Amino acid sequence: MTEKIADGFKNEKAIILPYNVRDYLKINHVTRHLHVTHIGYYPEAKYHFRERKNGAGQNILIYCESGKGWIIYNGEKIYLDRNQVFILPENEAHAYGADTHDPWSIYWIHFKGEDTDRFSSLIGKKTDTGESHSGRIEDRLALFEEIYQNLEMGYNPENLEYASYCLAYFLASIKYLTQFREIRNAREMDVIQKSILFMKNNLEQNIDLEDIAQHIGYSPSHFGNLFQRKTSYSPMGYYNQLKIQRACSYLQFSDLKIKEIAFRLGYYDPFHFSKAFKKETRLTPKEYRRKYNP
């Protein structure tokens, strides 16, 4: 017969909130909406097994960090793998356990509250949080640690309320996967903004693609592809547009001659400058100055 263990794993950690604290969580103006009642982590939980014929008094989130396991719910056996999540609804029969040959490591949270319906789309089904470069798995697990460590520090109202807010964010990171990952895309946009600022600061220096890529620490090909994907322009095409934008400013607000503007912005002759300017604005430099600086 295969050995079965409910809990008791090397390096496990768990917090079960006392009943008097749970009573307080139900009436606190913040925590009554959503709160943790149990939380823990079981690493390589060999022979892990639980069966509750009447369910539990809370929703149970199981987040598989590694290895494999299974859940029986609503007459179906669901297999859980790396970075997959299942939330069992409160008061409904279920069972779950670790794979015999590749036992799972799991983060788990029991939670309750008046607003658990906000996450009803997650309850009773498996969600795959994925392993893409923008998955932010480490950020989500850091949220778990924030909850755990605050509860470990004691049950004063501030700790309990902060843990509730972190729990809502943790669940939202699963429900709104695309939005949660967008911050990683924003970091890529930070690279784009940094490169554009470098371009703007060097409009009179005649920099090239390699100069820009080197400034932000990317290879020219990788940077070129990223910039094109994020802006729909090639880096040098964008750089030349910024030059024309600066030229417009000089034409409108300075007394510099067109020839001087051309040389200042790195055009080898006024004709070349005039041709590039007209391509972008549909006006020659002389026509632009006449129109906008009469």
Protein backbone atom coordinates (compact mmCIF):
# COMPACT_ATOMS: atom_id res chain seq x y z
CA MET A 1 0.00 0.00 0.00
CA THR A 2 1.27 3.47 -0.87
CA GLU A 3 2.01 5.65 2.14
CA LYS A 4 -0.17 8.75 2.49
CA ILE A 5 0.67 11.82 4.55
CA ALA A 6 -1.58 14.84 5.16
CA ASP A 7 1.34 17.06 6.11
CA GLY A 8 4.74 16.88 7.81
CA PHE A 9 7.39 17.60 5.16
CA LYS A 10 11.02 18.62 5.50
CA ASN A 11 11.38 22.43 5.35
CA GLU A 12 7.62 22.91 5.28
CA LYS A 13 6.14 26.07 6.75
CA ALA A 14 2.57 26.79 7.74
CA ILE A 15 0.48 29.26 9.71
CA ILE A 16 -3.04 28.45 10.90
CA LEU A 17 -4.72 31.52 12.30
CA PRO A 18 -6.42 31.06 15.69
CA TYR A 19 -10.21 31.10 15.80
CA ASN A 20 -10.36 34.35 17.77
CA VAL A 21 -8.27 36.03 15.04
CA ARG A 22 -10.55 34.60 12.36
CA ASP A 23 -13.53 36.04 14.21
CA TYR A 24 -11.85 39.44 14.13
CA LEU A 25 -11.10 39.08 10.40
CA LYS A 26 -14.83 38.69 9.75
CA ILE A 27 -15.66 42.10 11.26
CA ASN A 28 -12.63 44.26 10.40
CA HIS A 29 -13.64 46.80 7.73
CA VAL A 30 -10.77 45.71 5.45
CA THR A 31 -10.30 42.02 6.12
CA ARG A 32 -13.98 41.02 6.11
CA HIS A 33 -13.91 41.38 2.33
CA LEU A 34 -11.07 38.89 1.79
CA HIS A 35 -8.67 37.25 4.23
CA VAL A 36 -6.33 34.33 4.84
CA THR A 37 -7.17 31.68 7.43
CA HIS A 38 -4.37 29.18 6.67
CA ILE A 39 -1.20 29.55 4.60
CA GLY A 40 1.82 27.38 3.93
CA TYR A 41 4.41 25.81 1.68
CA TYR A 42 5.16 22.10 1.25
CA PRO A 43 8.42 21.37 -0.64
CA GLU A 44 8.70 18.05 -2.49
CA ALA A 45 5.68 16.77 -0.60
CA LYS A 46 6.16 13.04 -1.13
CA TYR A 47 3.04 10.98 -0.32
CA HIS A 48 1.06 14.16 0.34
CA PHE A 49 -2.66 13.37 0.43
CA ARG A 50 -5.80 15.07 1.70
CA GLU A 51 -9.45 14.07 1.45
CA ARG A 52 -12.36 16.12 2.78
CA LYS A 53 -15.73 14.51 2.14
CA ASN A 54 -17.56 17.62 3.32
CA GLY A 55 -15.06 20.11 1.97
CA ALA A 56 -13.39 22.83 4.03
CA GLY A 57 -14.87 25.98 5.51
CA GLN A 58 -12.69 28.08 3.21
CA ASN A 59 -11.64 28.24 -0.43
CA ILE A 60 -8.31 26.44 -0.90
CA LEU A 61 -5.74 27.71 -3.38
CA ILE A 62 -3.04 25.25 -4.46
CA TYR A 63 -0.16 26.68 -6.49
CA CYS A 64 2.17 24.03 -7.91
CA GLU A 65 5.70 25.41 -7.95
CA SER A 66 7.34 22.25 -9.27
CA GLY A 67 6.70 18.54 -9.63
CA LYS A 68 3.21 17.17 -10.19
CA GLY A 69 0.04 16.35 -8.32
CA TRP A 70 -3.65 15.76 -8.77
CA ILE A 71 -6.98 17.02 -7.49
CA ILE A 72 -10.33 15.22 -7.45
CA TYR A 73 -13.22 17.64 -7.57
CA ASN A 74 -16.76 17.43 -8.91
CA GLY A 75 -16.26 13.85 -10.08
CA GLU A 76 -13.17 14.68 -12.14
CA LYS A 77 -9.46 14.06 -11.58
CA ILE A 78 -7.42 17.10 -12.56
CA TYR A 79 -3.64 16.92 -12.90
CA LEU A 80 -1.58 19.87 -11.72
CA ASP A 81 1.86 20.66 -13.10
CA ARG A 82 4.49 23.39 -12.72
CA ASN A 83 3.06 26.94 -12.41
CA GLN A 84 -0.53 25.74 -12.47
CA VAL A 85 -3.12 26.77 -9.91
CA PHE A 86 -6.38 25.29 -8.70
CA ILE A 87 -8.82 26.84 -6.23
CA LEU A 88 -11.20 24.48 -4.47
CA PRO A 89 -14.49 26.10 -3.40
CA GLU A 90 -15.43 26.06 0.25
CA ASN A 91 -17.74 23.36 1.64
CA GLU A 92 -17.42 21.07 -1.41
CA ALA A 93 -16.00 17.53 -1.32
CA HIS A 94 -12.52 17.07 -2.71
CA ALA A 95 -9.26 15.19 -2.48
CA TYR A 96 -5.75 15.95 -3.65
CA GLY A 97 -2.29 14.49 -3.51
CA ALA A 98 1.24 14.49 -4.85
CA ASP A 99 2.42 12.48 -7.82
CA THR A 100 4.14 9.29 -6.68
CA HIS A 101 7.23 9.66 -8.86
CA ASP A 102 7.54 13.46 -9.11
CA PRO A 103 5.88 14.90 -5.98
CA TRP A 104 4.81 18.49 -6.12
CA SER A 105 6.07 21.47 -4.17
CA ILE A 106 3.06 23.63 -3.42
CA TYR A 107 2.16 27.01 -2.02
CA TRP A 108 -1.29 26.88 -0.47
CA ILE A 109 -3.71 29.40 0.98
CA HIS A 110 -7.13 28.96 2.62
CA PHE A 111 -9.15 32.12 2.25
CA LYS A 112 -12.62 33.51 2.93
CA GLY A 113 -14.47 36.79 2.73
CA GLU A 114 -17.53 38.64 1.57
CA ASP A 115 -15.94 39.45 -1.79
CA THR A 116 -14.60 36.06 -2.86
CA ASP A 117 -17.12 36.17 -5.72
CA ARG A 118 -14.80 38.68 -7.39
CA PHE A 119 -12.58 35.69 -8.15
CA SER A 120 -15.33 33.20 -8.97
CA SER A 121 -13.91 32.76 -12.48
CA LEU A 122 -10.86 31.07 -10.88
CA ILE A 123 -12.69 28.85 -8.41
CA GLY A 124 -13.24 25.21 -9.33
CA LYS A 125 -10.90 25.17 -12.31
CA LYS A 126 -7.24 24.90 -13.24
CA THR A 127 -5.35 28.02 -14.34
CA ASP A 128 -1.98 27.88 -16.08
CA THR A 129 0.11 30.94 -15.21
CA GLY A 130 2.67 30.02 -17.88
CA GLU A 131 6.43 30.33 -18.09
CA SER A 132 6.92 33.06 -20.69
CA HIS A 133 9.69 35.65 -20.28
CA SER A 134 7.05 38.10 -19.08
CA GLY A 135 5.32 35.68 -16.68
CA ARG A 136 6.55 37.45 -13.50
CA ILE A 137 6.36 34.18 -11.56
CA GLU A 138 8.97 35.38 -9.07
CA ASP A 139 6.92 38.55 -8.39
CA ARG A 140 3.80 36.52 -7.65
CA LEU A 141 5.64 34.24 -5.23
CA ALA A 142 7.13 37.30 -3.55
CA LEU A 143 3.55 38.35 -2.80
CA PHE A 144 2.97 35.01 -1.11
CA GLU A 145 6.04 35.63 1.04
CA GLU A 146 4.75 39.09 1.95
CA ILE A 147 1.52 37.55 3.21
CA TYR A 148 3.30 34.81 5.11
CA GLN A 149 5.95 37.00 6.72
CA ASN A 150 3.44 39.63 7.86
CA LEU A 151 1.25 37.01 9.49
CA GLU A 152 4.34 35.43 11.02
CA MET A 153 5.10 38.79 12.69
CA GLY A 154 1.81 38.71 14.59
CA TYR A 155 -1.87 39.38 14.29
CA ASN A 156 -2.11 43.11 14.89
CA PRO A 157 -4.71 44.86 12.67
CA GLU A 158 -2.11 46.42 10.36
CA ASN A 159 -0.47 43.06 9.58
CA LEU A 160 -3.84 41.41 8.98
CA GLU A 161 -5.08 44.22 6.74
CA TYR A 162 -1.86 44.32 4.74
CA ALA A 163 -2.01 40.55 4.26
CA SER A 164 -5.57 40.91 2.94
CA TYR A 165 -4.53 43.51 0.39
CA CYS A 166 -1.63 41.29 -0.70
CA LEU A 167 -4.00 38.34 -1.04
CA ALA A 168 -6.28 40.36 -3.32
CA TYR A 169 -3.27 41.31 -5.45
CA PHE A 170 -2.06 37.69 -5.49
CA LEU A 171 -5.44 36.46 -6.74
CA ALA A 172 -5.68 39.32 -9.22
CA SER A 173 -2.27 38.36 -10.64
CA ILE A 174 -3.83 35.02 -11.59
CA LYS A 175 -7.20 36.30 -12.76
CA TYR A 176 -5.72 39.15 -14.82
CA LEU A 177 -2.68 37.40 -16.25
CA THR A 178 -2.25 39.76 -19.20
CA GLN A 179 -2.44 42.87 -17.07
CA PHE A 180 -0.08 41.44 -14.44
CA ARG A 181 2.50 40.72 -17.12
CA GLU A 182 2.19 44.18 -18.68
CA ILE A 183 4.70 45.62 -16.20
CA ARG A 184 7.38 43.50 -17.86
CA ASN A 185 6.41 45.06 -21.16
CA ALA A 186 6.60 48.43 -19.44
CA ARG A 187 10.21 47.67 -18.56
CA GLU A 188 10.87 47.11 -22.22
CA MET A 189 9.23 50.45 -22.89
CA ASP A 190 11.64 51.99 -20.37
CA VAL A 191 14.44 50.83 -22.66
CA ILE A 192 12.67 52.47 -25.60
CA GLN A 193 12.22 55.73 -23.68
CA LYS A 194 15.88 55.68 -22.65
CA SER A 195 16.97 55.20 -26.25
CA ILE A 196 14.70 58.02 -27.48
CA LEU A 197 16.12 60.36 -24.83
CA PHE A 198 19.62 59.46 -26.01
CA MET A 199 18.58 60.25 -29.58
CA LYS A 200 17.12 63.63 -28.56
CA ASN A 201 20.28 64.53 -26.66
CA ASN A 202 22.41 63.71 -29.69
CA LEU A 203 20.50 65.21 -32.60
CA GLU A 204 23.51 67.29 -33.56
CA GLN A 205 26.10 64.50 -33.18
CA ASN A 206 25.20 62.15 -36.04
CA ILE A 207 24.99 58.95 -33.98
CA ASP A 208 24.19 55.60 -35.59
CA LEU A 209 22.30 52.44 -34.61
CA GLU A 210 25.32 50.92 -32.91
CA ASP A 211 25.79 54.03 -30.74
CA ILE A 212 22.18 53.89 -29.53
CA ALA A 213 22.23 50.15 -28.88
CA GLN A 214 25.51 50.41 -26.99
CA HIS A 215 24.07 53.16 -24.79
CA ILE A 216 21.27 50.89 -23.54
CA GLY A 217 23.36 47.71 -23.44
CA TYR A 218 21.68 45.82 -26.29
CA SER A 219 23.06 44.35 -29.47
CA PRO A 220 22.12 46.46 -32.53
CA SER A 221 19.99 43.68 -34.02
CA HIS A 222 18.10 42.95 -30.78
CA PHE A 223 17.54 46.64 -30.10
CA GLY A 224 16.44 47.29 -33.68
CA ASN A 225 13.86 44.49 -33.55
CA LEU A 226 12.56 45.58 -30.14
CA PHE A 227 12.29 49.24 -31.16
CA GLN A 228 10.47 48.36 -34.38
CA ARG A 229 8.06 46.11 -32.50
CA LYS A 230 7.26 48.72 -29.86
CA THR A 231 7.11 51.87 -32.02
CA SER A 232 6.48 50.61 -35.59
CA TYR A 233 9.57 52.61 -36.68
CA SER A 234 13.16 51.62 -37.21
CA PRO A 235 15.50 53.35 -34.70
CA MET A 236 17.20 55.44 -37.39
CA GLY A 237 13.89 56.32 -39.00
CA TYR A 238 12.70 57.57 -35.63
CA TYR A 239 15.98 59.42 -35.08
CA ASN A 240 15.60 61.22 -38.41
CA GLN A 241 12.04 62.22 -37.48
CA LEU A 242 13.36 63.74 -34.27
CA LYS A 243 15.89 65.70 -36.35
CA ILE A 244 13.11 67.11 -38.50
CA GLN A 245 11.16 67.96 -35.36
CA ARG A 246 14.19 69.90 -34.06
CA ALA A 247 14.57 71.57 -37.46
CA CYS A 248 10.94 72.75 -37.25
CA SER A 249 11.69 74.31 -33.89
CA TYR A 250 14.75 76.12 -35.27
CA LEU A 251 12.80 77.37 -38.30
CA GLN A 252 9.97 78.65 -36.17
CA PHE A 253 11.78 80.06 -33.16
CA SER A 254 15.31 81.00 -34.26
CA ASP A 255 17.01 83.26 -36.78
CA LEU A 256 19.38 80.54 -37.95
CA LYS A 257 19.73 80.30 -41.70
CA ILE A 258 18.45 77.14 -43.36
CA LYS A 259 22.01 76.25 -44.31
CA GLU A 260 23.09 76.61 -40.67
CA ILE A 261 20.24 74.41 -39.46
CA ALA A 262 21.15 71.76 -42.03
CA PHE A 263 24.78 71.62 -40.94
CA ARG A 264 23.89 71.77 -37.23
CA LEU A 265 21.70 68.67 -37.62
CA GLY A 266 24.30 66.75 -39.56
CA TYR A 267 22.99 67.05 -43.13
CA TYR A 268 25.89 67.23 -45.55
CA ASP A 269 24.27 69.93 -47.69
CA PRO A 270 21.13 72.14 -47.67
CA PHE A 271 19.65 70.25 -50.62
CA HIS A 272 19.78 66.94 -48.76
CA PHE A 273 18.23 68.62 -45.72
CA SER A 274 15.47 70.21 -47.79
CA LYS A 275 14.62 66.89 -49.43
CA ALA A 276 14.42 65.04 -46.08
CA PHE A 277 12.41 67.89 -44.54
CA LYS A 278 9.85 67.94 -47.33
CA LYS A 279 9.44 64.16 -47.22
CA GLU A 280 8.30 64.42 -43.56
CA THR A 281 6.36 67.71 -43.58
CA ARG A 282 5.30 68.13 -47.25
CA LEU A 283 6.82 71.59 -47.08
CA THR A 284 10.30 72.87 -47.88
CA PRO A 285 12.16 74.50 -44.99
CA LYS A 286 11.59 77.89 -46.60
CA GLU A 287 7.84 77.24 -46.96
CA TYR A 288 7.61 76.01 -43.36
CA ARG A 289 9.33 79.12 -42.00
CA ARG A 290 7.12 81.37 -44.08
CA LYS A 291 3.98 79.60 -42.90
CA TYR A 292 4.74 79.24 -39.19
CA ASN A 293 7.04 82.22 -38.56
CA PRO A 294 5.72 84.96 -40.83
